[in-house]
Amino acid sequence: MIRGNMFRLFTYFLLKKFNFTFLYLFILPLTSFIGESFAENINDKIPWVQWKKAPEIQLEYRHVNDGDLIEVKAQIKLTSSLSAFLLFLLDTDNVPNWLDNAKESQVLKTVENNTHIFTTEFYGFWPISSREMIIRSHQWQNDDLSVEIHIENAFDLAKKKHTILVDVMSANWLITPTISKEGEKTLAIEYTFIVDAKGNVPTWLVNSMTLKSTWQTLKNIKKQLPQSKWQSSTLAHINEISNR
C-alpha cells in the first residue's frame, strides 16, 4: 500500500512538469471530422461535470462511454474579431506563449486558405517522453457568421524520432461573433476534444493534467488575444459581424 501511494505521488510530480493538453488542440484548424465514428459512440446522455469556472471562462468534462478517457468542453468569451482569432491560431511562433507546455509549433503544409497541417511538440520530463501532435485543420464560416474548425490526425506525415504521437480522437471549435453593449466585437468560443496521450502513463493522471493545462491555456488566450497584433488584420474569406 505504501509503495503504491509513493509511486502515484512520484508519478504525479513527474507529470506536473509535463502537462498533457493537446488543444491546440487549442490550436489550429482542421478539415475532417476525424472523430466522427468515435463521437457517434459517445453517450450524449452522460452529463457534463463542471471542473472550474471563472468570469467568462468555463471548463467541463465527461467520461467517454463510461471509460477512462474524458471529453473536454472549454468555453470562453472575450473581445476580438474573428480574423484576429484565426490568425492568432495560425501564428505558430507565438503558440508556445499561450498553449500550455508547448515547446514549438509549425505549419507543415497549407492546402488552401482554410485548411492547414500543423505539428506541435510538447515538453517531456524524464522518464516521460515528449509528445507530438500532427493535425489537419479545416475551417468554414456558417450563414450566421459563426466559424467552425474540425481537427483530425495527420498520421500520414512522419513524426520526430524522439516523440510519442498523440491520438486526437475528436476535436471541434465553434466561434460565434457577437457585439457587446459597448459596441465592441466579441467572441463566444467553445472547444470540445477527446485526446489519447498514448504511452505508459496512468489515464487518471493524464486527465487531471489535461484539465489543468487546458484551464491555463484558456487564461492565456483571454489575456493575450484582445491585445494581439492580429486585431488590426483581416482575412478576405471571413465576414465579420457589423457593430453598426
C-alpha atoms as a PDB file:
ATOM      1  CA  MET A   1       0.000   0.000   0.000  1.00  0.00           C
ATOM      2  CA  ILE A   2       2.771   2.434   0.989  1.00  0.00           C
ATOM      3  CA  ARG A   3       4.792   1.608  -2.140  1.00  0.00           C
ATOM      4  CA  GLY A   4       1.719   2.091  -4.316  1.00  0.00           C
ATOM      5  CA  ASN A   5       0.966   5.509  -2.840  1.00  0.00           C
ATOM      6  CA  MET A   6       4.583   6.560  -3.177  1.00  0.00           C
ATOM      7  CA  PHE A   7       4.610   5.531  -6.836  1.00  0.00           C
ATOM      8  CA  ARG A   8       1.430   7.511  -7.571  1.00  0.00           C
ATOM      9  CA  LEU A   9       2.833  10.570  -5.818  1.00  0.00           C
ATOM     10  CA  PHE A  10       6.159  10.241  -7.639  1.00  0.00           C
ATOM     11  CA  THR A  11       4.414   9.933 -10.997  1.00  0.00           C
ATOM     12  CA  TYR A  12       2.219  12.949 -10.237  1.00  0.00           C
ATOM     13  CA  PHE A  13       5.185  15.232  -9.586  1.00  0.00           C
ATOM     14  CA  LEU A  14       6.964  13.991 -12.689  1.00  0.00           C
ATOM     15  CA  LEU A  15       3.969  14.751 -14.842  1.00  0.00           C
ATOM     16  CA  LYS A  16       3.416  18.114 -13.272  1.00  0.00           C
ATOM     17  CA  LYS A  17       6.357  19.113 -15.429  1.00  0.00           C
ATOM     18  CA  PHE A  18       4.627  17.668 -18.470  1.00  0.00           C
ATOM     19  CA  ASN A  19       1.047  18.845 -18.866  1.00  0.00           C
ATOM     20  CA  PHE A  20      -0.956  16.895 -21.410  1.00  0.00           C
ATOM     21  CA  THR A  21      -3.090  19.500 -23.097  1.00  0.00           C
ATOM     22  CA  PHE A  22      -3.361  18.952 -26.692  1.00  0.00           C
ATOM     23  CA  LEU A  23      -5.577  21.802 -27.656  1.00  0.00           C
ATOM     24  CA  TYR A  24      -4.075  23.005 -29.671  1.00  0.00           C
ATOM     25  CA  LEU A  25      -5.740  21.493 -29.617  1.00  0.00           C
ATOM     26  CA  PHE A  26      -6.229  24.824 -28.774  1.00  0.00           C
ATOM     27  CA  ILE A  27      -4.794  25.148 -31.527  1.00  0.00           C
ATOM     28  CA  LEU A  28      -5.447  25.000 -35.010  1.00  0.00           C
ATOM     29  CA  PRO A  29      -7.914  24.408 -37.753  1.00  0.00           C
ATOM     30  CA  LEU A  30      -8.699  21.027 -39.496  1.00  0.00           C
ATOM     31  CA  THR A  31     -10.620  19.526 -42.322  1.00  0.00           C
ATOM     32  CA  SER A  32     -12.457  16.469 -41.492  1.00  0.00           C
ATOM     33  CA  PHE A  33     -14.368  15.170 -38.654  1.00  0.00           C
ATOM     34  CA  ILE A  34     -11.847  12.612 -37.686  1.00  0.00           C
ATOM     35  CA  GLY A  35     -13.684  11.590 -34.675  1.00  0.00           C
ATOM     36  CA  GLU A  36     -16.948  11.132 -36.468  1.00  0.00           C
ATOM     37  CA  SER A  37     -17.293   7.396 -35.929  1.00  0.00           C
ATOM     38  CA  PHE A  38     -15.863   7.669 -32.435  1.00  0.00           C
ATOM     39  CA  ALA A  39     -18.139  10.561 -31.488  1.00  0.00           C
ATOM     40  CA  GLU A  40     -21.182   8.580 -32.542  1.00  0.00           C
ATOM     41  CA  ASN A  41     -20.422   6.123 -29.764  1.00  0.00           C
ATOM     42  CA  ILE A  42     -20.447   8.770 -27.066  1.00  0.00           C
ATOM     43  CA  ASN A  43     -23.463   8.569 -24.809  1.00  0.00           C
ATOM     44  CA  ASP A  44     -24.938  12.066 -25.129  1.00  0.00           C
ATOM     45  CA  LYS A  45     -26.975  11.416 -22.011  1.00  0.00           C
ATOM     46  CA  ILE A  46     -23.826  11.447 -19.892  1.00  0.00           C
ATOM     47  CA  PRO A  47     -23.956  14.832 -18.111  1.00  0.00           C
ATOM     48  CA  TRP A  48     -21.128  17.319 -18.213  1.00  0.00           C
ATOM     49  CA  VAL A  49     -19.281  17.872 -14.950  1.00  0.00           C
ATOM     50  CA  GLN A  50     -18.097  21.402 -14.232  1.00  0.00           C
ATOM     51  CA  TRP A  51     -14.400  21.292 -13.379  1.00  0.00           C
ATOM     52  CA  LYS A  52     -13.773  25.007 -12.957  1.00  0.00           C
ATOM     53  CA  LYS A  53     -15.466  28.326 -13.654  1.00  0.00           C
ATOM     54  CA  ALA A  54     -14.396  31.977 -13.635  1.00  0.00           C
ATOM     55  CA  PRO A  55     -15.811  35.157 -15.216  1.00  0.00           C
ATOM     56  CA  GLU A  56     -16.187  34.459 -18.944  1.00  0.00           C
ATOM     57  CA  ILE A  57     -14.379  31.085 -18.676  1.00  0.00           C
ATOM     58  CA  GLN A  58     -15.791  27.618 -18.022  1.00  0.00           C
ATOM     59  CA  LEU A  59     -14.305  24.124 -18.246  1.00  0.00           C
ATOM     60  CA  GLU A  60     -16.340  20.898 -18.189  1.00  0.00           C
ATOM     61  CA  TYR A  61     -15.683  17.224 -18.851  1.00  0.00           C
ATOM     62  CA  ARG A  62     -17.430  13.864 -19.073  1.00  0.00           C
ATOM     63  CA  HIS A  63     -16.233  10.297 -19.350  1.00  0.00           C
ATOM     64  CA  VAL A  64     -16.498   8.662 -22.764  1.00  0.00           C
ATOM     65  CA  ASN A  65     -18.762   5.624 -22.735  1.00  0.00           C
ATOM     66  CA  ASP A  66     -18.111   5.233 -19.004  1.00  0.00           C
ATOM     67  CA  GLY A  67     -14.453   4.550 -19.825  1.00  0.00           C
ATOM     68  CA  ASP A  68     -11.207   6.138 -18.665  1.00  0.00           C
ATOM     69  CA  LEU A  69     -10.926   8.748 -21.424  1.00  0.00           C
ATOM     70  CA  ILE A  70     -12.695  12.066 -21.000  1.00  0.00           C
ATOM     71  CA  GLU A  71     -14.262  14.534 -23.403  1.00  0.00           C
ATOM     72  CA  VAL A  72     -13.400  18.122 -22.502  1.00  0.00           C
ATOM     73  CA  LYS A  73     -15.511  21.193 -23.249  1.00  0.00           C
ATOM     74  CA  ALA A  74     -13.859  24.592 -22.848  1.00  0.00           C
ATOM     75  CA  GLN A  75     -15.804  27.849 -23.167  1.00  0.00           C
ATOM     76  CA  ILE A  76     -14.541  31.422 -23.148  1.00  0.00           C
ATOM     77  CA  LYS A  77     -15.864  34.873 -24.045  1.00  0.00           C
ATOM     78  CA  LEU A  78     -13.538  37.733 -24.952  1.00  0.00           C
ATOM     79  CA  THR A  79     -13.082  40.842 -27.058  1.00  0.00           C
ATOM     80  CA  SER A  80     -11.782  40.028 -30.535  1.00  0.00           C
ATOM     81  CA  SER A  81     -12.648  39.878 -34.203  1.00  0.00           C
ATOM     82  CA  LEU A  82     -12.991  36.528 -35.976  1.00  0.00           C
ATOM     83  CA  SER A  83     -10.000  37.213 -38.230  1.00  0.00           C
ATOM     84  CA  ALA A  84      -7.783  38.077 -35.275  1.00  0.00           C
ATOM     85  CA  PHE A  85      -8.613  34.819 -33.511  1.00  0.00           C
ATOM     86  CA  LEU A  86      -7.952  32.683 -36.593  1.00  0.00           C
ATOM     87  CA  LEU A  87      -4.663  34.486 -37.316  1.00  0.00           C
ATOM     88  CA  PHE A  88      -3.723  34.124 -33.652  1.00  0.00           C
ATOM     89  CA  LEU A  89      -4.070  30.350 -34.002  1.00  0.00           C
ATOM     90  CA  LEU A  90      -2.002  30.339 -37.183  1.00  0.00           C
ATOM     91  CA  ASP A  91       0.838  32.336 -35.623  1.00  0.00           C
ATOM     92  CA  THR A  92       2.929  29.264 -34.779  1.00  0.00           C
ATOM     93  CA  ASP A  93       5.874  31.314 -33.490  1.00  0.00           C
ATOM     94  CA  ASN A  94       3.592  32.567 -30.732  1.00  0.00           C
ATOM     95  CA  VAL A  95       1.926  29.240 -29.879  1.00  0.00           C
ATOM     96  CA  PRO A  96       4.350  28.364 -27.020  1.00  0.00           C
ATOM     97  CA  ASN A  97       3.421  31.678 -25.373  1.00  0.00           C
ATOM     98  CA  TRP A  98      -0.218  30.671 -24.856  1.00  0.00           C
ATOM     99  CA  LEU A  99      -0.585  26.909 -25.378  1.00  0.00           C
ATOM    100  CA  ASP A 100       0.419  25.425 -22.048  1.00  0.00           C
ATOM    101  CA  ASN A 101       3.522  23.196 -22.173  1.00  0.00           C
ATOM    102  CA  ALA A 102       4.015  23.619 -25.930  1.00  0.00           C
ATOM    103  CA  LYS A 103       7.664  23.585 -26.969  1.00  0.00           C
ATOM    104  CA  GLU A 104       7.270  24.542 -30.613  1.00  0.00           C
ATOM    105  CA  SER A 105       4.710  24.571 -33.401  1.00  0.00           C
ATOM    106  CA  GLN A 106       4.986  24.689 -37.166  1.00  0.00           C
ATOM    107  CA  VAL A 107       2.742  24.761 -40.230  1.00  0.00           C
ATOM    108  CA  LEU A 108       3.846  21.788 -42.318  1.00  0.00           C
ATOM    109  CA  LYS A 109       1.521  22.411 -45.231  1.00  0.00           C
ATOM    110  CA  THR A 110      -1.186  24.832 -46.332  1.00  0.00           C
ATOM    111  CA  VAL A 111      -3.671  23.019 -48.551  1.00  0.00           C
ATOM    112  CA  GLU A 112      -5.792  26.128 -49.107  1.00  0.00           C
ATOM    113  CA  ASN A 113      -6.594  29.269 -47.135  1.00  0.00           C
ATOM    114  CA  ASN A 114      -8.864  27.354 -44.764  1.00  0.00           C
ATOM    115  CA  THR A 115      -7.015  24.041 -44.496  1.00  0.00           C
ATOM    116  CA  HIS A 116      -3.656  23.588 -42.781  1.00  0.00           C
ATOM    117  CA  ILE A 117      -1.478  20.799 -41.416  1.00  0.00           C
ATOM    118  CA  PHE A 118       0.343  21.544 -38.158  1.00  0.00           C
ATOM    119  CA  THR A 119       2.812  19.863 -35.879  1.00  0.00           C
ATOM    120  CA  THR A 120       3.123  20.821 -32.211  1.00  0.00           C
ATOM    121  CA  GLU A 121       5.644  19.336 -29.791  1.00  0.00           C
ATOM    122  CA  PHE A 122       5.012  19.301 -26.041  1.00  0.00           C
ATOM    123  CA  TYR A 123       7.748  19.175 -23.428  1.00  0.00           C
ATOM    124  CA  GLY A 124       8.621  15.892 -21.786  1.00  0.00           C
ATOM    125  CA  PHE A 125      10.348  15.218 -18.489  1.00  0.00           C
ATOM    126  CA  TRP A 126      12.445  12.196 -17.651  1.00  0.00           C
ATOM    127  CA  PRO A 127      11.339   9.437 -17.816  1.00  0.00           C
ATOM    128  CA  ILE A 128       8.287  10.729 -19.712  1.00  0.00           C
ATOM    129  CA  SER A 129       8.866  11.191 -23.446  1.00  0.00           C
ATOM    130  CA  SER A 130       7.944  14.347 -25.335  1.00  0.00           C
ATOM    131  CA  ARG A 131       4.591  14.232 -27.089  1.00  0.00           C
ATOM    132  CA  GLU A 132       3.833  15.444 -30.597  1.00  0.00           C
ATOM    133  CA  MET A 133       0.554  16.291 -32.243  1.00  0.00           C
ATOM    134  CA  ILE A 134       0.305  16.299 -36.038  1.00  0.00           C
ATOM    135  CA  ILE A 135      -3.095  17.533 -37.140  1.00  0.00           C
ATOM    136  CA  ARG A 136      -5.039  18.646 -40.171  1.00  0.00           C
ATOM    137  CA  SER A 137      -7.425  21.528 -39.593  1.00  0.00           C
ATOM    138  CA  HIS A 138     -10.278  22.738 -41.717  1.00  0.00           C
ATOM    139  CA  GLN A 139     -12.387  25.827 -41.059  1.00  0.00           C
ATOM    140  CA  TRP A 140     -15.530  27.258 -42.607  1.00  0.00           C
ATOM    141  CA  GLN A 141     -17.980  30.061 -41.922  1.00  0.00           C
ATOM    142  CA  ASN A 142     -21.699  29.463 -41.476  1.00  0.00           C
ATOM    143  CA  ASP A 143     -24.553  31.702 -42.618  1.00  0.00           C
ATOM    144  CA  ASP A 144     -24.869  33.143 -39.094  1.00  0.00           C
ATOM    145  CA  LEU A 145     -21.183  34.212 -39.352  1.00  0.00           C
ATOM    146  CA  SER A 146     -20.038  31.641 -36.782  1.00  0.00           C
ATOM    147  CA  VAL A 147     -16.862  29.786 -37.706  1.00  0.00           C
ATOM    148  CA  GLU A 148     -16.293  26.077 -37.156  1.00  0.00           C
ATOM    149  CA  ILE A 149     -12.970  24.271 -37.122  1.00  0.00           C
ATOM    150  CA  HIS A 150     -12.667  20.498 -37.310  1.00  0.00           C
ATOM    151  CA  ILE A 151      -9.421  18.801 -36.377  1.00  0.00           C
ATOM    152  CA  GLU A 152      -8.102  15.353 -37.229  1.00  0.00           C
ATOM    153  CA  ASN A 153      -4.868  13.403 -37.096  1.00  0.00           C
ATOM    154  CA  ALA A 154      -2.439  13.681 -39.994  1.00  0.00           C
ATOM    155  CA  PHE A 155      -0.680  10.396 -39.322  1.00  0.00           C
ATOM    156  CA  ASP A 156       0.484  10.176 -42.947  1.00  0.00           C
ATOM    157  CA  LEU A 157       3.266  12.631 -42.074  1.00  0.00           C
ATOM    158  CA  ALA A 158       6.363  11.481 -40.215  1.00  0.00           C
ATOM    159  CA  LYS A 159       6.762  12.383 -36.556  1.00  0.00           C
ATOM    160  CA  LYS A 160      10.010  13.316 -34.839  1.00  0.00           C
ATOM    161  CA  LYS A 161      12.119  10.358 -33.707  1.00  0.00           C
ATOM    162  CA  HIS A 162      12.149  11.296 -30.019  1.00  0.00           C
ATOM    163  CA  THR A 163       8.405  11.931 -29.571  1.00  0.00           C
ATOM    164  CA  ILE A 164       5.289   9.875 -28.893  1.00  0.00           C
ATOM    165  CA  LEU A 165       2.455  10.673 -31.286  1.00  0.00           C
ATOM    166  CA  VAL A 166      -0.752  11.849 -29.624  1.00  0.00           C
ATOM    167  CA  ASP A 167      -4.071  10.486 -30.916  1.00  0.00           C
ATOM    168  CA  VAL A 168      -6.595  13.288 -31.439  1.00  0.00           C
ATOM    169  CA  MET A 169      -9.799  11.241 -31.436  1.00  0.00           C
ATOM    170  CA  SER A 170     -12.094  14.211 -31.990  1.00  0.00           C
ATOM    171  CA  ALA A 171     -11.760  17.991 -31.779  1.00  0.00           C
ATOM    172  CA  ASN A 172     -14.082  20.787 -32.768  1.00  0.00           C
ATOM    173  CA  TRP A 173     -14.145  24.582 -32.382  1.00  0.00           C
ATOM    174  CA  LEU A 174     -17.231  26.777 -32.608  1.00  0.00           C
ATOM    175  CA  ILE A 175     -16.527  30.514 -32.654  1.00  0.00           C
ATOM    176  CA  THR A 176     -19.589  32.767 -32.551  1.00  0.00           C
ATOM    177  CA  PRO A 177     -19.212  36.544 -33.053  1.00  0.00           C
ATOM    178  CA  THR A 178     -21.289  38.977 -31.007  1.00  0.00           C
ATOM    179  CA  ILE A 179     -21.430  42.703 -30.300  1.00  0.00           C
ATOM    180  CA  SER A 180     -21.091  43.861 -26.700  1.00  0.00           C
ATOM    181  CA  LYS A 181     -23.251  46.540 -25.087  1.00  0.00           C
ATOM    182  CA  GLU A 182     -20.323  48.897 -25.587  1.00  0.00           C
ATOM    183  CA  GLY A 183     -20.317  48.159 -29.331  1.00  0.00           C
ATOM    184  CA  GLU A 184     -17.158  46.037 -29.301  1.00  0.00           C
ATOM    185  CA  LYS A 185     -16.699  42.878 -31.351  1.00  0.00           C
ATOM    186  CA  THR A 186     -16.644  39.877 -29.048  1.00  0.00           C
ATOM    187  CA  LEU A 187     -16.402  36.116 -29.484  1.00  0.00           C
ATOM    188  CA  ALA A 188     -18.069  33.217 -27.696  1.00  0.00           C
ATOM    189  CA  ILE A 189     -15.688  30.307 -28.183  1.00  0.00           C
ATOM    190  CA  GLU A 190     -16.454  26.651 -27.472  1.00  0.00           C
ATOM    191  CA  TYR A 191     -13.868  23.928 -27.914  1.00  0.00           C
ATOM    192  CA  THR A 192     -14.534  20.225 -27.354  1.00  0.00           C
ATOM    193  CA  PHE A 193     -11.997  17.443 -27.732  1.00  0.00           C
ATOM    194  CA  ILE A 194     -11.058  13.863 -26.871  1.00  0.00           C
ATOM    195  CA  VAL A 195      -7.349  13.031 -26.866  1.00  0.00           C
ATOM    196  CA  ASP A 196      -5.389   9.892 -26.056  1.00  0.00           C
ATOM    197  CA  ALA A 197      -1.875  10.788 -24.868  1.00  0.00           C
ATOM    198  CA  LYS A 198      -0.608   7.258 -25.586  1.00  0.00           C
ATOM    199  CA  GLY A 199       2.376   5.745 -23.829  1.00  0.00           C
ATOM    200  CA  ASN A 200       2.517   4.112 -20.400  1.00  0.00           C
ATOM    201  CA  VAL A 201       1.032   6.960 -18.399  1.00  0.00           C
ATOM    202  CA  PRO A 202      -1.890   6.444 -15.966  1.00  0.00           C
ATOM    203  CA  THR A 203      -5.093   7.714 -17.586  1.00  0.00           C
ATOM    204  CA  TRP A 204      -6.341   9.303 -14.360  1.00  0.00           C
ATOM    205  CA  LEU A 205      -3.194  11.420 -14.238  1.00  0.00           C
ATOM    206  CA  VAL A 206      -3.369  12.380 -17.899  1.00  0.00           C
ATOM    207  CA  ASN A 207      -6.994  13.501 -17.409  1.00  0.00           C
ATOM    208  CA  SER A 208      -6.063  15.613 -14.395  1.00  0.00           C
ATOM    209  CA  MET A 209      -3.163  17.312 -16.148  1.00  0.00           C
ATOM    210  CA  THR A 210      -5.226  17.855 -19.327  1.00  0.00           C
ATOM    211  CA  LEU A 211      -7.859  19.784 -17.372  1.00  0.00           C
ATOM    212  CA  LYS A 212      -5.262  21.861 -15.530  1.00  0.00           C
ATOM    213  CA  SER A 213      -3.335  22.608 -18.708  1.00  0.00           C
ATOM    214  CA  THR A 214      -6.478  23.464 -20.684  1.00  0.00           C
ATOM    215  CA  TRP A 215      -7.538  25.894 -17.965  1.00  0.00           C
ATOM    216  CA  GLN A 216      -4.163  27.637 -18.089  1.00  0.00           C
ATOM    217  CA  THR A 217      -4.391  27.815 -21.885  1.00  0.00           C
ATOM    218  CA  LEU A 218      -7.823  29.463 -21.641  1.00  0.00           C
ATOM    219  CA  LYS A 219      -6.472  32.073 -19.260  1.00  0.00           C
ATOM    220  CA  ASN A 220      -3.528  32.728 -21.566  1.00  0.00           C
ATOM    221  CA  ILE A 221      -5.810  33.226 -24.571  1.00  0.00           C
ATOM    222  CA  LYS A 222      -8.106  35.559 -22.640  1.00  0.00           C
ATOM    223  CA  LYS A 223      -5.127  37.685 -21.605  1.00  0.00           C
ATOM    224  CA  GLN A 224      -3.246  37.753 -24.903  1.00  0.00           C
ATOM    225  CA  LEU A 225      -5.794  37.650 -27.743  1.00  0.00           C
ATOM    226  CA  PRO A 226      -7.557  41.010 -27.120  1.00  0.00           C
ATOM    227  CA  GLN A 227      -4.151  42.774 -27.229  1.00  0.00           C
ATOM    228  CA  SER A 228      -2.785  40.711 -30.108  1.00  0.00           C
ATOM    229  CA  LYS A 229      -1.210  42.406 -33.117  1.00  0.00           C
ATOM    230  CA  TRP A 230      -3.710  40.494 -35.254  1.00  0.00           C
ATOM    231  CA  GLN A 231      -6.621  42.643 -34.069  1.00  0.00           C
ATOM    232  CA  SER A 232      -5.783  45.126 -36.825  1.00  0.00           C
ATOM    233  CA  SER A 233      -5.707  42.433 -39.549  1.00  0.00           C
ATOM    234  CA  THR A 234      -8.479  40.880 -41.620  1.00  0.00           C
ATOM    235  CA  LEU A 235      -8.960  37.704 -43.655  1.00  0.00           C
ATOM    236  CA  ALA A 236     -10.536  38.092 -47.085  1.00  0.00           C
ATOM    237  CA  HIS A 237     -12.577  34.894 -46.774  1.00  0.00           C
ATOM    238  CA  ILE A 238     -14.020  35.780 -43.342  1.00  0.00           C
ATOM    239  CA  ASN A 239     -17.058  38.034 -42.927  1.00  0.00           C
ATOM    240  CA  GLU A 240     -17.007  39.990 -39.682  1.00  0.00           C
ATOM    241  CA  ILE A 241     -20.076  40.940 -37.681  1.00  0.00           C
ATOM    242  CA  SER A 242     -21.091  44.566 -38.035  1.00  0.00           C
ATOM    243  CA  ASN A 243     -21.137  46.817 -34.981  1.00  0.00           C
ATOM    244  CA  ARG A 244     -23.381  49.338 -36.662  1.00  0.00           C
END
